[in-house]
Amino acid sequence: MKPKSPRYGTSQIIEKAKEFGASLAGITNVEALKKSPSHLMYGKLDEYKTVGNKEGNLKPGEIAWPENARSVIVIAIWHPDEKPELDWWRHGYSGGTSGNRILISINSKLSKWLEKEKGIKPITVPYHIEDGGIFLKDAAVIAGLGCIGKNNMLVTAEYGPRVRLRAMFTDELLPETGPVEFDPCRDCSMPCRNACPQNAFRNGPYSRALCSIQMESDRANAALTKARQRTDKQSLPIKYCRACELSCPVGQ
């Protein structure tokens, strides 16, 4: 099946996503996503079971996306240094974080517009890989939003790694917007790696296990503060580490 002509509105879809609040947006196809590095490695490395994963309906490495899913639209919002609360996690808070709620709202508006104005059926992408989700960073790279930097994060030309991502499938095969030639890390002194409180790059490659230790520490700090203040469960957020992200000079 060939993708629709560019006249079908790929650029219009990107602009509409931005009109609804996205800072960046791009499109790739499902077949390309199946060949992305993280999807190929998922299930082969134990470390993929340590960060942000949960018990789900799929086995490690298994893909169970809807049969009619053809393309993936990836959106990103800028997460500036002066708005750390966008990524603060609260138990019992719809969407988990306020940044994620913004992304959900953008996706909702874009979905309705796609169906009404373009006749394209949007298909929800679950957040967790174990429930049929996708590796958002890989999808963003293939869609042309940036590259995977030496901090193991998506690095964009406009905002560096200070972005948050969300995606949706569509039942139409749309023209792709990436990947792009972009590598700001080639001659970088890697302040991101020096900033890591767990030295997650101590052996060269990024260690998800060490990053997980920091995440557990962040959760423990939130719980300790809650206990000291004797406050209710929902009032105190978990402030996850952003040291490698905020130290990146790209997009400053």
C-alpha atoms as a PDB file:
ATOM      1  CA  MET A   1       0.000   0.000   0.000  1.00  0.00           C
ATOM      2  CA  LYS A   2       1.454   3.347  -1.045  1.00  0.00           C
ATOM      3  CA  PRO A   3       1.235   6.416   1.175  1.00  0.00           C
ATOM      4  CA  LYS A   4      -1.168   9.171   0.278  1.00  0.00           C
ATOM      5  CA  SER A   5       0.125  12.067  -1.810  1.00  0.00           C
ATOM      6  CA  PRO A   6       1.781  14.908   0.128  1.00  0.00           C
ATOM      7  CA  ARG A   7      -1.194  16.948  -1.073  1.00  0.00           C
ATOM      8  CA  TYR A   8      -3.213  14.793   1.273  1.00  0.00           C
ATOM      9  CA  GLY A   9      -2.129  17.143   4.031  1.00  0.00           C
ATOM     10  CA  THR A  10       0.961  15.866   5.850  1.00  0.00           C
ATOM     11  CA  SER A  11       2.315  19.374   6.352  1.00  0.00           C
ATOM     12  CA  GLN A  12      -1.158  20.497   7.338  1.00  0.00           C
ATOM     13  CA  ILE A  13      -1.315  17.756   9.969  1.00  0.00           C
ATOM     14  CA  ILE A  14       1.987  18.939  11.447  1.00  0.00           C
ATOM     15  CA  GLU A  15       0.848  22.565  11.502  1.00  0.00           C
ATOM     16  CA  LYS A  16      -2.486  21.624  13.021  1.00  0.00           C
ATOM     17  CA  ALA A  17      -0.709  19.720  15.819  1.00  0.00           C
ATOM     18  CA  LYS A  18       1.301  22.851  16.552  1.00  0.00           C
ATOM     19  CA  GLU A  19      -1.850  24.972  16.430  1.00  0.00           C
ATOM     20  CA  PHE A  20      -3.309  22.719  19.123  1.00  0.00           C
ATOM     21  CA  GLY A  21      -0.244  23.267  21.323  1.00  0.00           C
ATOM     22  CA  ALA A  22       2.518  20.919  20.156  1.00  0.00           C
ATOM     23  CA  SER A  23       6.007  22.395  19.944  1.00  0.00           C
ATOM     24  CA  LEU A  24       7.112  19.775  17.393  1.00  0.00           C
ATOM     25  CA  ALA A  25       5.415  17.021  15.411  1.00  0.00           C
ATOM     26  CA  GLY A  26       6.434  14.379  12.894  1.00  0.00           C
ATOM     27  CA  ILE A  27       5.204  11.282  11.097  1.00  0.00           C
ATOM     28  CA  THR A  28       6.671   7.844  10.481  1.00  0.00           C
ATOM     29  CA  ASN A  29       5.205   4.462   9.593  1.00  0.00           C
ATOM     30  CA  VAL A  30       4.624   1.380  11.678  1.00  0.00           C
ATOM     31  CA  GLU A  31       6.890  -0.882   9.626  1.00  0.00           C
ATOM     32  CA  ALA A  32       9.842   1.461  10.172  1.00  0.00           C
ATOM     33  CA  LEU A  33       9.067   1.564  13.876  1.00  0.00           C
ATOM     34  CA  LYS A  34       9.285  -2.220  14.135  1.00  0.00           C
ATOM     35  CA  LYS A  35      12.926  -1.957  13.022  1.00  0.00           C
ATOM     36  CA  SER A  36      13.912   0.770  15.480  1.00  0.00           C
ATOM     37  CA  PRO A  37      16.849  -0.034  17.811  1.00  0.00           C
ATOM     38  CA  SER A  38      14.828  -0.142  21.039  1.00  0.00           C
ATOM     39  CA  HIS A  39      12.145  -2.406  19.582  1.00  0.00           C
ATOM     40  CA  LEU A  40      14.779  -4.771  18.236  1.00  0.00           C
ATOM     41  CA  MET A  41      16.569  -4.922  21.608  1.00  0.00           C
ATOM     42  CA  TYR A  42      13.460  -4.987  23.788  1.00  0.00           C
ATOM     43  CA  GLY A  43      13.147  -8.318  25.532  1.00  0.00           C
ATOM     44  CA  LYS A  44      16.778  -9.236  24.912  1.00  0.00           C
ATOM     45  CA  LEU A  45      18.253  -7.098  27.679  1.00  0.00           C
ATOM     46  CA  ASP A  46      17.289  -7.471  31.333  1.00  0.00           C
ATOM     47  CA  GLU A  47      17.807  -3.752  31.884  1.00  0.00           C
ATOM     48  CA  TYR A  48      14.698  -3.013  29.850  1.00  0.00           C
ATOM     49  CA  LYS A  49      12.725  -4.464  32.751  1.00  0.00           C
ATOM     50  CA  THR A  50      14.005  -1.961  35.289  1.00  0.00           C
ATOM     51  CA  VAL A  51      12.796   1.520  34.360  1.00  0.00           C
ATOM     52  CA  GLY A  52       9.163   2.500  34.179  1.00  0.00           C
ATOM     53  CA  ASN A  53       7.975  -0.964  33.204  1.00  0.00           C
ATOM     54  CA  LYS A  54       5.067  -2.785  34.772  1.00  0.00           C
ATOM     55  CA  GLU A  55       3.244  -6.059  34.521  1.00  0.00           C
ATOM     56  CA  GLY A  56       1.337  -5.963  31.251  1.00  0.00           C
ATOM     57  CA  ASN A  57      -0.418  -8.169  28.741  1.00  0.00           C
ATOM     58  CA  LEU A  58       2.594  -8.723  26.490  1.00  0.00           C
ATOM     59  CA  LYS A  59       5.822 -10.647  26.829  1.00  0.00           C
ATOM     60  CA  PRO A  60       9.129  -8.758  26.484  1.00  0.00           C
ATOM     61  CA  GLY A  61       9.861  -8.153  22.818  1.00  0.00           C
ATOM     62  CA  GLU A  62       6.333  -8.935  21.688  1.00  0.00           C
ATOM     63  CA  ILE A  63       4.527  -6.428  19.469  1.00  0.00           C
ATOM     64  CA  ALA A  64       0.741  -6.333  19.402  1.00  0.00           C
ATOM     65  CA  TRP A  65      -0.267  -3.160  17.636  1.00  0.00           C
ATOM     66  CA  PRO A  66      -3.672  -2.859  15.947  1.00  0.00           C
ATOM     67  CA  GLU A  67      -3.753  -4.527  12.529  1.00  0.00           C
ATOM     68  CA  ASN A  68      -5.061  -1.361  10.894  1.00  0.00           C
ATOM     69  CA  ALA A  69      -2.272   0.840  12.312  1.00  0.00           C
ATOM     70  CA  ARG A  70      -0.263   2.215   9.395  1.00  0.00           C
ATOM     71  CA  SER A  71       1.430   5.433  10.502  1.00  0.00           C
ATOM     72  CA  VAL A  72       2.498   7.081  13.735  1.00  0.00           C
ATOM     73  CA  ILE A  73       2.146  10.774  14.500  1.00  0.00           C
ATOM     74  CA  VAL A  74       4.578  11.889  17.221  1.00  0.00           C
ATOM     75  CA  ILE A  75       4.061  15.160  19.077  1.00  0.00           C
ATOM     76  CA  ALA A  76       6.354  16.952  21.516  1.00  0.00           C
ATOM     77  CA  ILE A  77       5.926  19.829  23.925  1.00  0.00           C
ATOM     78  CA  TRP A  78       8.766  21.973  25.193  1.00  0.00           C
ATOM     79  CA  HIS A  79       9.613  21.466  28.872  1.00  0.00           C
ATOM     80  CA  PRO A  80      11.526  24.631  29.838  1.00  0.00           C
ATOM     81  CA  ASP A  81      13.819  24.758  32.851  1.00  0.00           C
ATOM     82  CA  GLU A  82      11.596  27.280  34.614  1.00  0.00           C
ATOM     83  CA  LYS A  83       8.578  24.944  34.563  1.00  0.00           C
ATOM     84  CA  PRO A  84       9.791  21.839  36.397  1.00  0.00           C
ATOM     85  CA  GLU A  85       6.259  21.115  37.599  1.00  0.00           C
ATOM     86  CA  LEU A  86       5.286  19.885  34.126  1.00  0.00           C
ATOM     87  CA  ASP A  87       7.042  16.621  34.930  1.00  0.00           C
ATOM     88  CA  TRP A  88       6.199  16.243  38.618  1.00  0.00           C
ATOM     89  CA  TRP A  89       4.393  12.965  39.143  1.00  0.00           C
ATOM     90  CA  ARG A  90       1.372  12.868  41.455  1.00  0.00           C
ATOM     91  CA  HIS A  91      -0.426   9.690  42.518  1.00  0.00           C
ATOM     92  CA  GLY A  92      -4.111   9.838  41.741  1.00  0.00           C
ATOM     93  CA  TYR A  93      -3.636  12.771  39.358  1.00  0.00           C
ATOM     94  CA  SER A  94      -5.241  12.254  35.948  1.00  0.00           C
ATOM     95  CA  GLY A  95      -2.437  11.758  33.430  1.00  0.00           C
ATOM     96  CA  GLY A  96       0.191  11.504  36.163  1.00  0.00           C
ATOM     97  CA  THR A  97       1.803  14.858  35.343  1.00  0.00           C
ATOM     98  CA  SER A  98       0.508  18.197  34.112  1.00  0.00           C
ATOM     99  CA  GLY A  99       2.783  17.928  31.064  1.00  0.00           C
ATOM    100  CA  ASN A 100       1.234  14.609  30.128  1.00  0.00           C
ATOM    101  CA  ARG A 101      -2.226  16.093  30.499  1.00  0.00           C
ATOM    102  CA  ILE A 102      -1.264  18.785  27.996  1.00  0.00           C
ATOM    103  CA  LEU A 103      -0.059  16.128  25.565  1.00  0.00           C
ATOM    104  CA  ILE A 104      -3.257  14.111  26.007  1.00  0.00           C
ATOM    105  CA  SER A 105      -5.321  17.223  25.300  1.00  0.00           C
ATOM    106  CA  ILE A 106      -3.347  17.984  22.112  1.00  0.00           C
ATOM    107  CA  ASN A 107      -3.745  14.405  20.917  1.00  0.00           C
ATOM    108  CA  SER A 108      -7.466  14.518  21.620  1.00  0.00           C
ATOM    109  CA  LYS A 109      -7.956  17.718  19.584  1.00  0.00           C
ATOM    110  CA  LEU A 110      -5.778  16.433  16.755  1.00  0.00           C
ATOM    111  CA  SER A 111      -7.635  13.101  16.698  1.00  0.00           C
ATOM    112  CA  LYS A 112     -11.011  14.796  16.334  1.00  0.00           C
ATOM    113  CA  TRP A 113      -9.692  17.064  13.588  1.00  0.00           C
ATOM    114  CA  LEU A 114      -8.116  14.180  11.655  1.00  0.00           C
ATOM    115  CA  GLU A 115     -11.321  12.179  11.684  1.00  0.00           C
ATOM    116  CA  LYS A 116     -13.630  15.070  10.876  1.00  0.00           C
ATOM    117  CA  GLU A 117     -11.576  16.994   8.326  1.00  0.00           C
ATOM    118  CA  LYS A 118      -9.367  14.306   6.762  1.00  0.00           C
ATOM    119  CA  GLY A 119     -11.299  11.079   7.222  1.00  0.00           C
ATOM    120  CA  ILE A 120      -8.282   9.569   8.972  1.00  0.00           C
ATOM    121  CA  LYS A 121      -9.036   7.288  11.891  1.00  0.00           C
ATOM    122  CA  PRO A 122      -6.769   7.913  14.896  1.00  0.00           C
ATOM    123  CA  ILE A 123      -5.841   4.942  17.082  1.00  0.00           C
ATOM    124  CA  THR A 124      -4.744   5.390  20.682  1.00  0.00           C
ATOM    125  CA  VAL A 125      -1.197   4.344  21.574  1.00  0.00           C
ATOM    126  CA  PRO A 126      -0.973   2.982  25.162  1.00  0.00           C
ATOM    127  CA  TYR A 127       1.732   4.625  27.255  1.00  0.00           C
ATOM    128  CA  HIS A 128       3.358   1.410  28.508  1.00  0.00           C
ATOM    129  CA  ILE A 129       5.267  -0.886  26.161  1.00  0.00           C
ATOM    130  CA  GLU A 130       3.803  -3.869  27.993  1.00  0.00           C
ATOM    131  CA  ASP A 131       0.307  -2.803  26.954  1.00  0.00           C
ATOM    132  CA  GLY A 132       1.139  -2.333  23.279  1.00  0.00           C
ATOM    133  CA  GLY A 133       2.860   1.040  23.434  1.00  0.00           C
ATOM    134  CA  ILE A 134       5.861   2.221  21.430  1.00  0.00           C
ATOM    135  CA  PHE A 135       9.320   3.532  22.239  1.00  0.00           C
ATOM    136  CA  LEU A 136       8.598   7.218  21.866  1.00  0.00           C
ATOM    137  CA  LYS A 137      12.212   8.381  21.521  1.00  0.00           C
ATOM    138  CA  ASP A 138      12.848   5.998  18.638  1.00  0.00           C
ATOM    139  CA  ALA A 139       9.591   7.005  16.987  1.00  0.00           C
ATOM    140  CA  ALA A 140      10.519  10.677  17.331  1.00  0.00           C
ATOM    141  CA  VAL A 141      13.923  10.119  15.707  1.00  0.00           C
ATOM    142  CA  ILE A 142      12.459   8.197  12.768  1.00  0.00           C
ATOM    143  CA  ALA A 143       9.804  10.908  12.396  1.00  0.00           C
ATOM    144  CA  GLY A 144      12.505  13.582  12.097  1.00  0.00           C
ATOM    145  CA  LEU A 145      12.238  15.365  15.442  1.00  0.00           C
ATOM    146  CA  GLY A 146      15.907  14.883  16.365  1.00  0.00           C
ATOM    147  CA  CYS A 147      18.473  12.249  17.298  1.00  0.00           C
ATOM    148  CA  ILE A 148      19.402  10.084  20.268  1.00  0.00           C
ATOM    149  CA  GLY A 149      22.165  11.972  22.046  1.00  0.00           C
ATOM    150  CA  LYS A 150      25.049  10.845  24.221  1.00  0.00           C
ATOM    151  CA  ASN A 151      22.700  11.320  27.185  1.00  0.00           C
ATOM    152  CA  ASN A 152      20.508   8.545  25.721  1.00  0.00           C
ATOM    153  CA  MET A 153      17.700  11.063  25.284  1.00  0.00           C
ATOM    154  CA  LEU A 154      15.975  12.502  22.267  1.00  0.00           C
ATOM    155  CA  VAL A 155      17.841  15.708  21.390  1.00  0.00           C
ATOM    156  CA  THR A 156      15.998  18.209  19.202  1.00  0.00           C
ATOM    157  CA  ALA A 157      17.540  21.148  17.376  1.00  0.00           C
ATOM    158  CA  GLU A 158      15.021  23.571  18.840  1.00  0.00           C
ATOM    159  CA  TYR A 159      14.829  22.502  22.487  1.00  0.00           C
ATOM    160  CA  GLY A 160      17.623  20.010  23.053  1.00  0.00           C
ATOM    161  CA  PRO A 161      16.357  17.133  25.235  1.00  0.00           C
ATOM    162  CA  ARG A 162      13.867  19.348  27.092  1.00  0.00           C
ATOM    163  CA  VAL A 163      10.745  17.911  25.487  1.00  0.00           C
ATOM    164  CA  ARG A 164       7.966  15.505  26.438  1.00  0.00           C
ATOM    165  CA  LEU A 165       6.450  13.089  23.916  1.00  0.00           C
ATOM    166  CA  ARG A 166       3.179  11.437  22.992  1.00  0.00           C
ATOM    167  CA  ALA A 167       1.977   9.602  19.866  1.00  0.00           C
ATOM    168  CA  MET A 168      -0.986   8.154  18.024  1.00  0.00           C
ATOM    169  CA  PHE A 169      -1.449   5.578  15.279  1.00  0.00           C
ATOM    170  CA  THR A 170      -3.496   6.285  12.169  1.00  0.00           C
ATOM    171  CA  ASP A 171      -5.233   3.879   9.811  1.00  0.00           C
ATOM    172  CA  GLU A 172      -3.777   5.704   6.787  1.00  0.00           C
ATOM    173  CA  LEU A 173      -0.226   5.331   5.489  1.00  0.00           C
ATOM    174  CA  LEU A 174       1.024   8.917   5.434  1.00  0.00           C
ATOM    175  CA  PRO A 175       4.225  10.400   3.929  1.00  0.00           C
ATOM    176  CA  GLU A 176       7.066  10.387   6.458  1.00  0.00           C
ATOM    177  CA  THR A 177       8.786  13.505   7.775  1.00  0.00           C
ATOM    178  CA  GLY A 178      12.117  11.978   8.743  1.00  0.00           C
ATOM    179  CA  PRO A 179      14.636  10.968   9.810  1.00  0.00           C
ATOM    180  CA  VAL A 180      16.915  13.993   9.503  1.00  0.00           C
ATOM    181  CA  GLU A 181      20.685  14.505   9.478  1.00  0.00           C
ATOM    182  CA  PHE A 182      21.348  15.974  12.923  1.00  0.00           C
ATOM    183  CA  ASP A 183      24.080  15.143  15.435  1.00  0.00           C
ATOM    184  CA  PRO A 184      25.043  17.922  17.870  1.00  0.00           C
ATOM    185  CA  CYS A 185      26.838  15.435  20.147  1.00  0.00           C
ATOM    186  CA  ARG A 186      29.722  14.569  17.825  1.00  0.00           C
ATOM    187  CA  ASP A 187      32.210  17.044  19.298  1.00  0.00           C
ATOM    188  CA  CYS A 188      30.446  17.692  22.604  1.00  0.00           C
ATOM    189  CA  SER A 189      32.297  17.450  25.927  1.00  0.00           C
ATOM    190  CA  MET A 190      29.304  15.542  27.342  1.00  0.00           C
ATOM    191  CA  PRO A 191      28.307  17.643  30.380  1.00  0.00           C
ATOM    192  CA  CYS A 192      25.218  15.418  30.538  1.00  0.00           C
ATOM    193  CA  ARG A 193      27.287  12.402  31.546  1.00  0.00           C
ATOM    194  CA  ASN A 194      29.221  14.332  34.172  1.00  0.00           C
ATOM    195  CA  ALA A 195      25.990  15.663  35.668  1.00  0.00           C
ATOM    196  CA  CYS A 196      24.471  12.237  36.335  1.00  0.00           C
ATOM    197  CA  PRO A 197      24.199  11.668  40.123  1.00  0.00           C
ATOM    198  CA  GLN A 198      24.390   7.887  39.634  1.00  0.00           C
ATOM    199  CA  ASN A 199      27.196   8.005  37.053  1.00  0.00           C
ATOM    200  CA  ALA A 200      24.983   5.974  34.722  1.00  0.00           C
ATOM    201  CA  PHE A 201      27.588   6.220  31.950  1.00  0.00           C
ATOM    202  CA  ARG A 202      30.482   4.966  34.048  1.00  0.00           C
ATOM    203  CA  ASN A 203      31.086   2.019  31.710  1.00  0.00           C
ATOM    204  CA  GLY A 204      30.489   3.986  28.521  1.00  0.00           C
ATOM    205  CA  PRO A 205      27.004   2.880  27.444  1.00  0.00           C
ATOM    206  CA  TYR A 206      24.008   4.209  29.339  1.00  0.00           C
ATOM    207  CA  SER A 207      22.852   1.991  32.213  1.00  0.00           C
ATOM    208  CA  ARG A 208      19.081   1.841  32.717  1.00  0.00           C
ATOM    209  CA  ALA A 209      19.653   0.002  35.998  1.00  0.00           C
ATOM    210  CA  LEU A 210      21.624   2.896  37.491  1.00  0.00           C
ATOM    211  CA  CYS A 211      19.052   5.386  36.232  1.00  0.00           C
ATOM    212  CA  SER A 212      16.425   3.238  37.930  1.00  0.00           C
ATOM    213  CA  ILE A 213      18.305   3.580  41.222  1.00  0.00           C
ATOM    214  CA  GLN A 214      17.978   7.360  40.942  1.00  0.00           C
ATOM    215  CA  MET A 215      14.269   7.069  40.181  1.00  0.00           C
ATOM    216  CA  GLU A 216      13.775   4.913  43.258  1.00  0.00           C
ATOM    217  CA  SER A 217      15.705   7.491  45.285  1.00  0.00           C
ATOM    218  CA  ASP A 218      13.432  10.250  43.961  1.00  0.00           C
ATOM    219  CA  ARG A 219      10.365   8.248  44.996  1.00  0.00           C
ATOM    220  CA  ALA A 220      11.841   7.601  48.437  1.00  0.00           C
ATOM    221  CA  ASN A 221      12.586  11.308  48.933  1.00  0.00           C
ATOM    222  CA  ALA A 222       8.991  12.193  48.094  1.00  0.00           C
ATOM    223  CA  ALA A 223       7.705   9.561  50.519  1.00  0.00           C
ATOM    224  CA  LEU A 224      10.046  10.781  53.278  1.00  0.00           C
ATOM    225  CA  THR A 225       8.943  14.392  52.802  1.00  0.00           C
ATOM    226  CA  LYS A 226       5.316  13.286  52.886  1.00  0.00           C
ATOM    227  CA  ALA A 227       5.867  11.393  56.123  1.00  0.00           C
ATOM    228  CA  ARG A 228       7.632  14.336  57.758  1.00  0.00           C
ATOM    229  CA  GLN A 229       4.894  16.755  56.787  1.00  0.00           C
ATOM    230  CA  ARG A 230       2.135  14.269  57.567  1.00  0.00           C
ATOM    231  CA  THR A 231       0.332  15.299  54.430  1.00  0.00           C
ATOM    232  CA  ASP A 232      -2.092  13.411  52.197  1.00  0.00           C
ATOM    233  CA  LYS A 233      -0.859  11.152  49.395  1.00  0.00           C
ATOM    234  CA  GLN A 234      -1.864  13.368  46.478  1.00  0.00           C
ATOM    235  CA  SER A 235      -0.433  16.660  47.667  1.00  0.00           C
ATOM    236  CA  LEU A 236       3.286  15.925  47.223  1.00  0.00           C
ATOM    237  CA  PRO A 237       4.739  15.217  43.772  1.00  0.00           C
ATOM    238  CA  ILE A 238       7.650  12.968  42.858  1.00  0.00           C
ATOM    239  CA  LYS A 239      10.322  15.191  41.340  1.00  0.00           C
ATOM    240  CA  TYR A 240      12.320  12.926  39.084  1.00  0.00           C
ATOM    241  CA  CYS A 241      15.939  13.745  38.231  1.00  0.00           C
ATOM    242  CA  ARG A 242      16.575  15.837  35.101  1.00  0.00           C
ATOM    243  CA  ALA A 243      20.309  16.447  35.624  1.00  0.00           C
ATOM    244  CA  CYS A 244      21.510  15.070  32.274  1.00  0.00           C
ATOM    245  CA  GLU A 245      18.671  16.798  30.451  1.00  0.00           C
ATOM    246  CA  LEU A 246      19.145  20.244  31.965  1.00  0.00           C
ATOM    247  CA  SER A 247      22.936  20.205  31.520  1.00  0.00           C
ATOM    248  CA  CYS A 248      22.691  19.702  27.747  1.00  0.00           C
ATOM    249  CA  PRO A 249      23.792  22.877  25.892  1.00  0.00           C
ATOM    250  CA  VAL A 250      21.681  22.143  22.808  1.00  0.00           C
ATOM    251  CA  GLY A 251      18.608  24.347  22.537  1.00  0.00           C
ATOM    252  CA  GLN A 252      19.537  26.491  25.532  1.00  0.00           C
END
